Amino acid sequence: HVRVAAPTHPICDGVEDFVVTDEIFHNLEPTAAWQPLLSARATPEAPEQPLCWIHESGAGRVFYDALGHTKSSLLNPTYS
């Protein structure tokens, strides 16, 4: 289950929580500079892990997307 962590961010405009079959990276240590956009839990008891986030670095902007490891993930209508 993917949760929209930043529903008011323009990138997430119109995106609602969705379900997808994919991997979740564990034990990430996001910095305060990361702005998570999507998150999920590996199990109901596990802490939320960011799946997509943005970050500004100097004059650059970064968008990271950890989803897309499977064909079904890439073809998910909400994710696409």
PDB file of N, CA and C in Angstrom:
ATOM      1  N   HIS A   1       0.849  -1.167   0.000  1.00  0.00           N
ATOM      2  CA  HIS A   1       0.000   0.000   0.000  1.00  0.00           C
ATOM      3  C   HIS A   1       0.898   1.236   0.000  1.00  0.00           C
ATOM      4  N   VAL A   2       0.773   2.055  -1.019  1.00  0.00           N
ATOM      5  CA  VAL A   2       1.573   3.273  -1.139  1.00  0.00           C
ATOM      6  C   VAL A   2       0.746   4.446  -0.656  1.00  0.00           C
ATOM      7  N   ARG A   3       1.329   5.225   0.241  1.00  0.00           N
ATOM      8  CA  ARG A   3       0.641   6.388   0.794  1.00  0.00           C
ATOM      9  C   ARG A   3       1.233   7.645   0.172  1.00  0.00           C
ATOM     10  N   VAL A   4       0.347   8.552  -0.232  1.00  0.00           N
ATOM     11  CA  VAL A   4       0.804   9.851  -0.715  1.00  0.00           C
ATOM     12  C   VAL A   4       1.197  10.657   0.515  1.00  0.00           C
ATOM     13  N   ALA A   5       2.478  10.899   0.667  1.00  0.00           N
ATOM     14  CA  ALA A   5       3.001  11.564   1.862  1.00  0.00           C
ATOM     15  C   ALA A   5       2.938  13.084   1.758  1.00  0.00           C
ATOM     16  N   ALA A   6       2.799  13.602   0.544  1.00  0.00           N
ATOM     17  CA  ALA A   6       2.758  15.063   0.335  1.00  0.00           C
ATOM     18  C   ALA A   6       1.615  15.399  -0.627  1.00  0.00           C
ATOM     19  N   PRO A   7       0.372  15.216  -0.173  1.00  0.00           N
ATOM     20  CA  PRO A   7      -0.762  15.390  -1.083  1.00  0.00           C
ATOM     21  C   PRO A   7      -0.914  16.804  -1.653  1.00  0.00           C
ATOM     22  N   THR A   8      -0.322  17.804  -1.014  1.00  0.00           N
ATOM     23  CA  THR A   8      -0.459  19.170  -1.527  1.00  0.00           C
ATOM     24  C   THR A   8       0.687  19.573  -2.461  1.00  0.00           C
ATOM     25  N   HIS A   9       1.686  18.706  -2.613  1.00  0.00           N
ATOM     26  CA  HIS A   9       2.800  19.033  -3.512  1.00  0.00           C
ATOM     27  C   HIS A   9       2.324  18.900  -4.964  1.00  0.00           C
ATOM     28  N   PRO A  10       2.727  19.817  -5.851  1.00  0.00           N
ATOM     29  CA  PRO A  10       2.265  19.758  -7.248  1.00  0.00           C
ATOM     30  C   PRO A  10       2.553  18.435  -7.962  1.00  0.00           C
ATOM     31  N   ILE A  11       3.645  17.776  -7.639  1.00  0.00           N
ATOM     32  CA  ILE A  11       3.946  16.480  -8.268  1.00  0.00           C
ATOM     33  C   ILE A  11       2.875  15.454  -7.926  1.00  0.00           C
ATOM     34  N   CYS A  12       2.277  15.561  -6.746  1.00  0.00           N
ATOM     35  CA  CYS A  12       1.276  14.597  -6.290  1.00  0.00           C
ATOM     36  C   CYS A  12      -0.155  15.026  -6.603  1.00  0.00           C
ATOM     37  N   ASP A  13      -0.311  16.102  -7.327  1.00  0.00           N
ATOM     38  CA  ASP A  13      -1.648  16.616  -7.647  1.00  0.00           C
ATOM     39  C   ASP A  13      -2.489  15.534  -8.322  1.00  0.00           C
ATOM     40  N   GLY A  14      -3.602  15.205  -7.729  1.00  0.00           N
ATOM     41  CA  GLY A  14      -4.506  14.207  -8.280  1.00  0.00           C
ATOM     42  C   GLY A  14      -4.149  12.771  -7.971  1.00  0.00           C
ATOM     43  N   VAL A  15      -3.028  12.539  -7.283  1.00  0.00           N
ATOM     44  CA  VAL A  15      -2.613  11.173  -6.942  1.00  0.00           C
ATOM     45  C   VAL A  15      -3.217  10.793  -5.601  1.00  0.00           C
ATOM     46  N   GLU A  16      -3.795   9.613  -5.545  1.00  0.00           N
ATOM     47  CA  GLU A  16      -4.341   9.081  -4.295  1.00  0.00           C
ATOM     48  C   GLU A  16      -3.545   7.848  -3.901  1.00  0.00           C
ATOM     49  N   ASP A  17      -3.658   7.444  -2.636  1.00  0.00           N
ATOM     50  CA  ASP A  17      -3.006   6.218  -2.184  1.00  0.00           C
ATOM     51  C   ASP A  17      -3.346   5.088  -3.161  1.00  0.00           C
ATOM     52  N   PHE A  18      -2.396   4.168  -3.363  1.00  0.00           N
ATOM     53  CA  PHE A  18      -2.637   3.069  -4.283  1.00  0.00           C
ATOM     54  C   PHE A  18      -1.875   1.832  -3.828  1.00  0.00           C
ATOM     55  N   VAL A  19      -2.212   0.710  -4.426  1.00  0.00           N
ATOM     56  CA  VAL A  19      -1.576  -0.567  -4.111  1.00  0.00           C
ATOM     57  C   VAL A  19      -0.771  -1.001  -5.328  1.00  0.00           C
ATOM     58  N   VAL A  20       0.448  -1.455  -5.085  1.00  0.00           N
ATOM     59  CA  VAL A  20       1.321  -1.906  -6.155  1.00  0.00           C
ATOM     60  C   VAL A  20       2.204  -3.035  -5.625  1.00  0.00           C
ATOM     61  N   THR A  21       2.597  -3.942  -6.502  1.00  0.00           N
ATOM     62  CA  THR A  21       3.538  -4.999  -6.128  1.00  0.00           C
ATOM     63  C   THR A  21       4.925  -4.544  -6.555  1.00  0.00           C
ATOM     64  N   ASP A  22       5.789  -4.310  -5.594  1.00  0.00           N
ATOM     65  CA  ASP A  22       7.129  -3.811  -5.877  1.00  0.00           C
ATOM     66  C   ASP A  22       7.987  -4.024  -4.634  1.00  0.00           C
ATOM     67  N   GLU A  23       9.244  -3.634  -4.711  1.00  0.00           N
ATOM     68  CA  GLU A  23      10.160  -3.727  -3.579  1.00  0.00           C
ATOM     69  C   GLU A  23      10.115  -2.444  -2.761  1.00  0.00           C
ATOM     70  N   ILE A  24      10.442  -2.581  -1.485  1.00  0.00           N
ATOM     71  CA  ILE A  24      10.595  -1.416  -0.613  1.00  0.00           C
ATOM     72  C   ILE A  24      11.990  -1.502  -0.014  1.00  0.00           C
ATOM     73  N   PHE A  25      12.775  -0.469  -0.209  1.00  0.00           N
ATOM     74  CA  PHE A  25      14.087  -0.422   0.424  1.00  0.00           C
ATOM     75  C   PHE A  25      13.887  -0.207   1.916  1.00  0.00           C
ATOM     76  N   HIS A  26      14.668  -0.898   2.732  1.00  0.00           N
ATOM     77  CA  HIS A  26      14.509  -0.849   4.183  1.00  0.00           C
ATOM     78  C   HIS A  26      15.619  -0.046   4.838  1.00  0.00           C
ATOM     79  N   ASN A  27      15.296   0.469   5.995  1.00  0.00           N
ATOM     80  CA  ASN A  27      16.271   1.137   6.858  1.00  0.00           C
ATOM     81  C   ASN A  27      16.977   2.312   6.186  1.00  0.00           C
ATOM     82  N   LEU A  28      16.255   3.011   5.337  1.00  0.00           N
ATOM     83  CA  LEU A  28      16.810   4.233   4.774  1.00  0.00           C
ATOM     84  C   LEU A  28      16.899   5.273   5.878  1.00  0.00           C
ATOM     85  N   GLU A  29      17.836   6.154   5.763  1.00  0.00           N
ATOM     86  CA  GLU A  29      17.989   7.224   6.741  1.00  0.00           C
ATOM     87  C   GLU A  29      17.842   8.567   6.038  1.00  0.00           C
ATOM     88  N   PRO A  30      16.592   8.942   5.736  1.00  0.00           N
ATOM     89  CA  PRO A  30      16.398  10.205   5.034  1.00  0.00           C
ATOM     90  C   PRO A  30      16.860  11.387   5.875  1.00  0.00           C
ATOM     91  N   THR A  31      17.366  12.376   5.193  1.00  0.00           N
ATOM     92  CA  THR A  31      17.771  13.598   5.893  1.00  0.00           C
ATOM     93  C   THR A  31      16.601  14.554   5.932  1.00  0.00           C
ATOM     94  N   ALA A  32      16.731  15.580   6.727  1.00  0.00           N
ATOM     95  CA  ALA A  32      15.675  16.593   6.812  1.00  0.00           C
ATOM     96  C   ALA A  32      15.499  17.310   5.477  1.00  0.00           C
ATOM     97  N   ALA A  33      16.513  17.260   4.608  1.00  0.00           N
ATOM     98  CA  ALA A  33      16.432  17.932   3.313  1.00  0.00           C
ATOM     99  C   ALA A  33      15.555  17.166   2.316  1.00  0.00           C
ATOM    100  N   TRP A  34      15.343  15.873   2.542  1.00  0.00           N
ATOM    101  CA  TRP A  34      14.466  15.099   1.661  1.00  0.00           C
ATOM    102  C   TRP A  34      13.036  15.504   1.934  1.00  0.00           C
ATOM    103  N   GLN A  35      12.232  15.615   0.900  1.00  0.00           N
ATOM    104  CA  GLN A  35      10.794  15.805   1.070  1.00  0.00           C
ATOM    105  C   GLN A  35      10.105  14.576   0.483  1.00  0.00           C
ATOM    106  N   PRO A  36       9.687  13.636   1.333  1.00  0.00           N
ATOM    107  CA  PRO A  36       9.024  12.433   0.825  1.00  0.00           C
ATOM    108  C   PRO A  36       7.708  12.785   0.131  1.00  0.00           C
ATOM    109  N   LEU A  37       7.481  12.158  -1.019  1.00  0.00           N
ATOM    110  CA  LEU A  37       6.237  12.333  -1.756  1.00  0.00           C
ATOM    111  C   LEU A  37       5.346  11.108  -1.626  1.00  0.00           C
ATOM    112  N   LEU A  38       5.945   9.911  -1.686  1.00  0.00           N
ATOM    113  CA  LEU A  38       5.232   8.642  -1.512  1.00  0.00           C
ATOM    114  C   LEU A  38       5.977   7.804  -0.489  1.00  0.00           C
ATOM    115  N   SER A  39       5.237   7.025   0.280  1.00  0.00           N
ATOM    116  CA  SER A  39       5.872   6.156   1.264  1.00  0.00           C
ATOM    117  C   SER A  39       5.075   4.861   1.392  1.00  0.00           C
ATOM    118  N   ALA A  40       5.703   3.864   2.018  1.00  0.00           N
ATOM    119  CA  ALA A  40       5.042   2.580   2.234  1.00  0.00           C
ATOM    120  C   ALA A  40       5.727   1.848   3.371  1.00  0.00           C
ATOM    121  N   ARG A  41       5.082   0.794   3.833  1.00  0.00           N
ATOM    122  CA  ARG A  41       5.630  -0.074   4.878  1.00  0.00           C
ATOM    123  C   ARG A  41       5.817  -1.468   4.291  1.00  0.00           C
ATOM    124  N   ALA A  42       6.920  -2.105   4.599  1.00  0.00           N
ATOM    125  CA  ALA A  42       7.165  -3.475   4.138  1.00  0.00           C
ATOM    126  C   ALA A  42       6.187  -4.445   4.790  1.00  0.00           C
ATOM    127  N   THR A  43       5.871  -4.203   6.048  1.00  0.00           N
ATOM    128  CA  THR A  43       4.877  -4.969   6.798  1.00  0.00           C
ATOM    129  C   THR A  43       4.078  -3.962   7.619  1.00  0.00           C
ATOM    130  N   PRO A  44       2.915  -4.341   8.106  1.00  0.00           N
ATOM    131  CA  PRO A  44       2.136  -3.394   8.906  1.00  0.00           C
ATOM    132  C   PRO A  44       2.882  -2.852  10.129  1.00  0.00           C
ATOM    133  N   GLU A  45       3.825  -3.630  10.667  1.00  0.00           N
ATOM    134  CA  GLU A  45       4.559  -3.215  11.863  1.00  0.00           C
ATOM    135  C   GLU A  45       5.801  -2.391  11.539  1.00  0.00           C
ATOM    136  N   ALA A  46       6.257  -2.436  10.306  1.00  0.00           N
ATOM    137  CA  ALA A  46       7.504  -1.767   9.920  1.00  0.00           C
ATOM    138  C   ALA A  46       7.319  -0.258   9.821  1.00  0.00           C
ATOM    139  N   PRO A  47       8.390   0.483  10.015  1.00  0.00           N
ATOM    140  CA  PRO A  47       8.292   1.938   9.852  1.00  0.00           C
ATOM    141  C   PRO A  47       8.078   2.299   8.382  1.00  0.00           C
ATOM    142  N   GLU A  48       7.444   3.439   8.151  1.00  0.00           N
ATOM    143  CA  GLU A  48       7.267   3.908   6.781  1.00  0.00           C
ATOM    144  C   GLU A  48       8.621   4.217   6.155  1.00  0.00           C
ATOM    145  N   GLN A  49       8.748   3.867   4.902  1.00  0.00           N
ATOM    146  CA  GLN A  49       9.960   4.137   4.139  1.00  0.00           C
ATOM    147  C   GLN A  49       9.582   5.028   2.955  1.00  0.00           C
ATOM    148  N   PRO A  50      10.394   6.021   2.653  1.00  0.00           N
ATOM    149  CA  PRO A  50      10.087   6.853   1.490  1.00  0.00           C
ATOM    150  C   PRO A  50      10.297   6.066   0.197  1.00  0.00           C
ATOM    151  N   LEU A  51       9.380   6.237  -0.749  1.00  0.00           N
ATOM    152  CA  LEU A  51       9.498   5.594  -2.054  1.00  0.00           C
ATOM    153  C   LEU A  51       9.865   6.602  -3.141  1.00  0.00           C
ATOM    154  N   CYS A  52       9.330   7.786  -3.030  1.00  0.00           N
ATOM    155  CA  CYS A  52       9.659   8.883  -3.943  1.00  0.00           C
ATOM    156  C   CYS A  52       9.916  10.112  -3.095  1.00  0.00           C
ATOM    157  N   TRP A  53      10.963  10.848  -3.443  1.00  0.00           N
ATOM    158  CA  TRP A  53      11.228  12.072  -2.699  1.00  0.00           C
ATOM    159  C   TRP A  53      11.922  13.083  -3.601  1.00  0.00           C
ATOM    160  N   ILE A  54      11.918  14.316  -3.137  1.00  0.00           N
ATOM    161  CA  ILE A  54      12.626  15.383  -3.829  1.00  0.00           C
ATOM    162  C   ILE A  54      13.633  15.990  -2.872  1.00  0.00           C
ATOM    163  N   HIS A  55      14.627  16.630  -3.457  1.00  0.00           N
ATOM    164  CA  HIS A  55      15.699  17.215  -2.659  1.00  0.00           C
ATOM    165  C   HIS A  55      16.365  18.294  -3.503  1.00  0.00           C
ATOM    166  N   GLU A  56      16.672  19.424  -2.894  1.00  0.00           N
ATOM    167  CA  GLU A  56      17.417  20.465  -3.585  1.00  0.00           C
ATOM    168  C   GLU A  56      18.868  20.395  -3.131  1.00  0.00           C
ATOM    169  N   SER A  57      19.771  20.480  -4.100  1.00  0.00           N
ATOM    170  CA  SER A  57      21.196  20.412  -3.807  1.00  0.00           C
ATOM    171  C   SER A  57      21.890  21.507  -4.601  1.00  0.00           C
ATOM    172  N   GLY A  58      22.326  22.538  -3.912  1.00  0.00           N
ATOM    173  CA  GLY A  58      22.921  23.673  -4.604  1.00  0.00           C
ATOM    174  C   GLY A  58      21.900  24.285  -5.543  1.00  0.00           C
ATOM    175  N   ALA A  59      22.264  24.439  -6.805  1.00  0.00           N
ATOM    176  CA  ALA A  59      21.339  24.977  -7.801  1.00  0.00           C
ATOM    177  C   ALA A  59      20.517  23.870  -8.465  1.00  0.00           C
ATOM    178  N   GLY A  60      20.740  22.611  -8.063  1.00  0.00           N
ATOM    179  CA  GLY A  60      20.049  21.498  -8.697  1.00  0.00           C
ATOM    180  C   GLY A  60      18.869  20.995  -7.897  1.00  0.00           C
ATOM    181  N   ARG A  61      17.984  20.310  -8.602  1.00  0.00           N
ATOM    182  CA  ARG A  61      16.842  19.669  -7.959  1.00  0.00           C
ATOM    183  C   ARG A  61      16.860  18.185  -8.313  1.00  0.00           C
ATOM    184  N   VAL A  62      16.574  17.343  -7.338  1.00  0.00           N
ATOM    185  CA  VAL A  62      16.615  15.896  -7.516  1.00  0.00           C
ATOM    186  C   VAL A  62      15.230  15.323  -7.262  1.00  0.00           C
ATOM    187  N   PHE A  63      14.806  14.398  -8.116  1.00  0.00           N
ATOM    188  CA  PHE A  63      13.595  13.611  -7.896  1.00  0.00           C
ATOM    189  C   PHE A  63      14.035  12.158  -7.906  1.00  0.00           C
ATOM    190  N   TYR A  64      13.741  11.422  -6.840  1.00  0.00           N
ATOM    191  CA  TYR A  64      14.111  10.013  -6.754  1.00  0.00           C
ATOM    192  C   TYR A  64      12.850   9.175  -6.673  1.00  0.00           C
ATOM    193  N   ASP A  65      12.826   8.091  -7.416  1.00  0.00           N
ATOM    194  CA  ASP A  65      11.680   7.188  -7.462  1.00  0.00           C
ATOM    195  C   ASP A  65      12.197   5.765  -7.277  1.00  0.00           C
ATOM    196  N   ALA A  66      11.851   5.144  -6.168  1.00  0.00           N
ATOM    197  CA  ALA A  66      12.318   3.787  -5.876  1.00  0.00           C
ATOM    198  C   ALA A  66      11.378   2.718  -6.419  1.00  0.00           C
ATOM    199  N   LEU A  67      10.264   3.113  -7.014  1.00  0.00           N
ATOM    200  CA  LEU A  67       9.338   2.138  -7.582  1.00  0.00           C
ATOM    201  C   LEU A  67       9.768   1.776  -9.004  1.00  0.00           C
ATOM    202  N   GLY A  68       9.113   0.767  -9.576  1.00  0.00           N
ATOM    203  CA  GLY A  68       9.348   0.414 -10.968  1.00  0.00           C
ATOM    204  C   GLY A  68      10.217  -0.806 -11.171  1.00  0.00           C
ATOM    205  N   HIS A  69      10.245  -1.718 -10.198  1.00  0.00           N
ATOM    206  CA  HIS A  69      11.077  -2.918 -10.315  1.00  0.00           C
ATOM    207  C   HIS A  69      10.397  -4.046 -11.083  1.00  0.00           C
ATOM    208  N   THR A  70       9.096  -3.943 -11.281  1.00  0.00           N
ATOM    209  CA  THR A  70       8.375  -5.011 -11.965  1.00  0.00           C
ATOM    210  C   THR A  70       7.502  -4.422 -13.067  1.00  0.00           C
ATOM    211  N   LYS A  71       7.152  -5.256 -14.022  1.00  0.00           N
ATOM    212  CA  LYS A  71       6.273  -4.821 -15.106  1.00  0.00           C
ATOM    213  C   LYS A  71       4.931  -4.371 -14.542  1.00  0.00           C
ATOM    214  N   SER A  72       4.382  -5.137 -13.570  1.00  0.00           N
ATOM    215  CA  SER A  72       3.090  -4.762 -13.008  1.00  0.00           C
ATOM    216  C   SER A  72       3.163  -3.425 -12.283  1.00  0.00           C
ATOM    217  N   SER A  73       4.305  -3.128 -11.688  1.00  0.00           N
ATOM    218  CA  SER A  73       4.479  -1.840 -11.041  1.00  0.00           C
ATOM    219  C   SER A  73       4.452  -0.719 -12.077  1.00  0.00           C
ATOM    220  N   LEU A  74       5.201  -0.881 -13.145  1.00  0.00           N
ATOM    221  CA  LEU A  74       5.269   0.140 -14.188  1.00  0.00           C
ATOM    222  C   LEU A  74       3.940   0.347 -14.887  1.00  0.00           C
ATOM    223  N   LEU A  75       3.125  -0.711 -14.972  1.00  0.00           N
ATOM    224  CA  LEU A  75       1.837  -0.620 -15.656  1.00  0.00           C
ATOM    225  C   LEU A  75       0.688  -0.233 -14.736  1.00  0.00           C
ATOM    226  N   ASN A  76       0.967  -0.072 -13.448  1.00  0.00           N
ATOM    227  CA  ASN A  76      -0.085   0.315 -12.507  1.00  0.00           C
ATOM    228  C   ASN A  76      -0.658   1.661 -12.948  1.00  0.00           C
ATOM    229  N   PRO A  77      -1.974   1.774 -13.154  1.00  0.00           N
ATOM    230  CA  PRO A  77      -2.561   3.008 -13.672  1.00  0.00           C
ATOM    231  C   PRO A  77      -2.274   4.242 -12.813  1.00  0.00           C
ATOM    232  N   THR A  78      -2.240   4.100 -11.514  1.00  0.00           N
ATOM    233  CA  THR A  78      -1.963   5.259 -10.653  1.00  0.00           C
ATOM    234  C   THR A  78      -0.500   5.652 -10.746  1.00  0.00           C
ATOM    235  N   TYR A  79       0.376   4.677 -10.759  1.00  0.00           N
ATOM    236  CA  TYR A  79       1.808   4.952 -10.820  1.00  0.00           C
ATOM    237  C   TYR A  79       2.219   5.512 -12.173  1.00  0.00           C
ATOM    238  N   SER A  80       1.619   5.020 -13.222  1.00  0.00           N
ATOM    239  CA  SER A  80       1.981   5.451 -14.573  1.00  0.00           C
ATOM    240  C   SER A  80       1.687   6.918 -14.739  1.00  0.00           C
TER     241      SER A  80
END
